[in-house]
Amino acid sequence: MIIDIRNRPPFKSIKDHYLFTKERRVSFANRFGLGLSSSIEEKSMDLYLQEMDQCGISKAVVPMRKCTAGGPNGMDNQDLVELLAQYPDRFIGFAGIDPLDGLEALAEIQKFVVEGACHGIIMEPGYCKEPLYITDERIYPIYELCQNENIPVLLSFGGFVAPDSDYNRPQLINQLAKEFPKLRMTMAHGGWPFAQEMCHIAFNWENVYISPDIYAVNVPGYQDFLAAANYFVPEKVIFGSAYPVLTMKDTVDFYLRHIKEEYQERIMYQNALRFLGMEE
């Protein structure tokens, strides 16, 4: 059984996002040394669900991309609500929140999470039209609301979701964890390229998880994420495929080949449940 913490299916406004463009898909497949799948090529939900089943992915967290710095269109949270209604047993919704929306952002959390079908929120501060550091005080009311309402937060932190690596400095996470010690947060992309520092912060802070997703696959420093999963902090690393950037099959196979069998259940399932607050 596998929970995929970062997965965007080919559904409505999600499949219209530039992540599904051929140029983007081929570029990432080449950089990470993995392939493409027919579900991505054809943007087919039927093929997508077949791929999920073949990989053993029982549930996927769908984080909507609200910020549009990387392309002309964002994703519509209302489409996520429809996805959850059509496939209630397959997906866990994380509403996309743009911290530049101010009070409207708080209203969206109330609508889609507190009173709605979504389970958490996703923010990508470095990807906003005005790039923000995750410690920008304009975001603090969102953190406070999520901490008070026990809402898990997925933050895109690392990789290519900011103008430069200064936005991904691990010290920013350390500061955020200190100011919001009860806010459950997972760093998508694991803070890459600062893998070692991020693993250290995850070790120090109970509320901080890391999901290196594709940055645990064939990139400089990926061995550090695998060492964290196999030895140092196996209780803090969460699997994510980052589909459609890479295929579900390739990323699942890579993780299972490189993670010790004794820790696979933690990385692929149990840690996600704990972060989500869904432990039985």
Foldseek 3Di string as FASTA:
>chain_A
DFEAEEAAALFPVSVVDCCLPPVLQVVLCVQQVHDADVCSVVSDPVVQVVLCVVLVHFAYEYAWACAALPHDDGDDVVRVLVVCVVCVRHYAYAYEAELVVQPVSVVVCCVPDVVHRHQAHEYLQQRHPPRDQPPPVSCVVVQVVCLVVVHAYEYAAADPSHPDLVSLPVVSVVVVCVVRLSHAYEHELQSPPVNQSSLVSCLVHVRYAYENASCCGRDPPVVSVLCSCAPNPVQRYEYHNNPPSPRPNVRSVVNVVRHDPVSCCNHRPVSVCVSSVNDD
